[in-house]
Protein backbone atom coordinates (compact mmCIF):
# COMPACT_ATOMS: atom_id res chain seq x y z
CA MET A 1 -16.73 1.08 -2.96
CA ALA A 2 -14.32 3.31 -4.87
CA GLY A 3 -13.88 6.71 -3.26
CA VAL A 4 -15.30 5.53 0.08
CA GLU A 5 -13.64 6.72 3.28
CA LEU A 6 -13.99 4.82 6.53
CA SER A 7 -13.30 6.64 9.77
CA THR A 8 -13.39 6.58 13.54
CA PRO A 9 -12.47 9.47 15.84
CA ARG A 10 -8.82 8.30 15.70
CA LEU A 11 -8.45 6.76 12.24
CA LEU A 12 -9.22 7.60 8.63
CA LEU A 13 -8.97 4.92 5.95
CA ARG A 14 -9.17 6.16 2.38
CA PRO A 15 -8.48 4.70 -1.05
CA VAL A 16 -4.79 4.56 -1.92
CA GLY A 17 -3.60 7.48 -4.03
CA THR A 18 -0.37 8.21 -5.88
CA ASP A 19 0.91 10.16 -2.86
CA ASP A 20 0.87 6.89 -0.88
CA LEU A 21 3.14 4.93 -3.24
CA GLY A 22 6.32 5.79 -1.33
CA ALA A 23 4.92 4.16 1.80
CA PHE A 24 3.93 1.04 -0.14
CA GLU A 25 7.43 0.85 -1.61
CA CYS A 26 8.90 1.01 1.90
CA LEU A 27 6.71 -1.91 2.96
CA GLY A 28 7.98 -3.95 0.04
CA THR A 29 11.66 -3.21 0.57
CA ASP A 30 12.24 -2.65 4.31
CA PRO A 31 14.23 -5.62 5.68
CA ALA A 32 12.65 -5.41 9.16
CA ILE A 33 9.13 -5.58 7.72
CA ARG A 34 9.97 -8.21 5.11
CA ARG A 35 11.35 -10.52 7.84
CA HIS A 36 7.73 -10.96 8.92
CA LEU A 37 6.12 -10.96 5.46
CA GLY A 38 8.63 -12.96 3.47
CA SER A 39 11.55 -12.06 1.28
CA ARG A 40 12.11 -8.68 -0.30
CA VAL A 41 9.83 -7.88 -3.25
CA PRO A 42 11.83 -7.90 -6.53
CA ALA A 43 12.05 -4.52 -8.29
CA HIS A 44 10.07 -5.68 -11.35
CA ARG A 45 7.21 -6.89 -9.14
CA LEU A 46 7.35 -3.81 -6.92
CA ASP A 47 6.74 -1.47 -9.85
CA ALA A 48 3.79 -3.53 -11.10
CA SER A 49 2.21 -3.78 -7.64
CA ARG A 50 2.63 -0.03 -7.08
CA ARG A 51 0.64 0.69 -10.23
CA ALA A 52 -2.04 -1.86 -9.34
CA VAL A 53 -2.70 -0.60 -5.81
CA VAL A 54 -3.79 2.96 -6.68
CA GLY A 55 -7.58 3.15 -6.47
CA ARG A 56 -7.94 -0.61 -6.03
CA PRO A 57 -11.19 -1.49 -4.24
CA GLY A 58 -10.65 -2.73 -0.69
CA VAL A 59 -7.10 -1.33 -0.39
CA PHE A 60 -6.81 1.61 1.97
CA ALA A 61 -4.15 4.00 3.22
C-alpha cells in the first residue's frame, strides 16, 4: 500500500513524508493533546518514532 493516496472531495490522505515530521512532533509534545493521549513522549522515543513513521504502511498525513 506504499505510495497510495486516499481521497474524498474534502480530504486527501497520503503516506507520511519528511515534511510532515514537524506536525508529528507537535502531537507528541503538545500538553493539550497529550492530556488526552497520555503523558508527554520522551525526547529519545520521539526521535525514534519520527524516523519510523516516514513511509510506514497504514500511516497517513
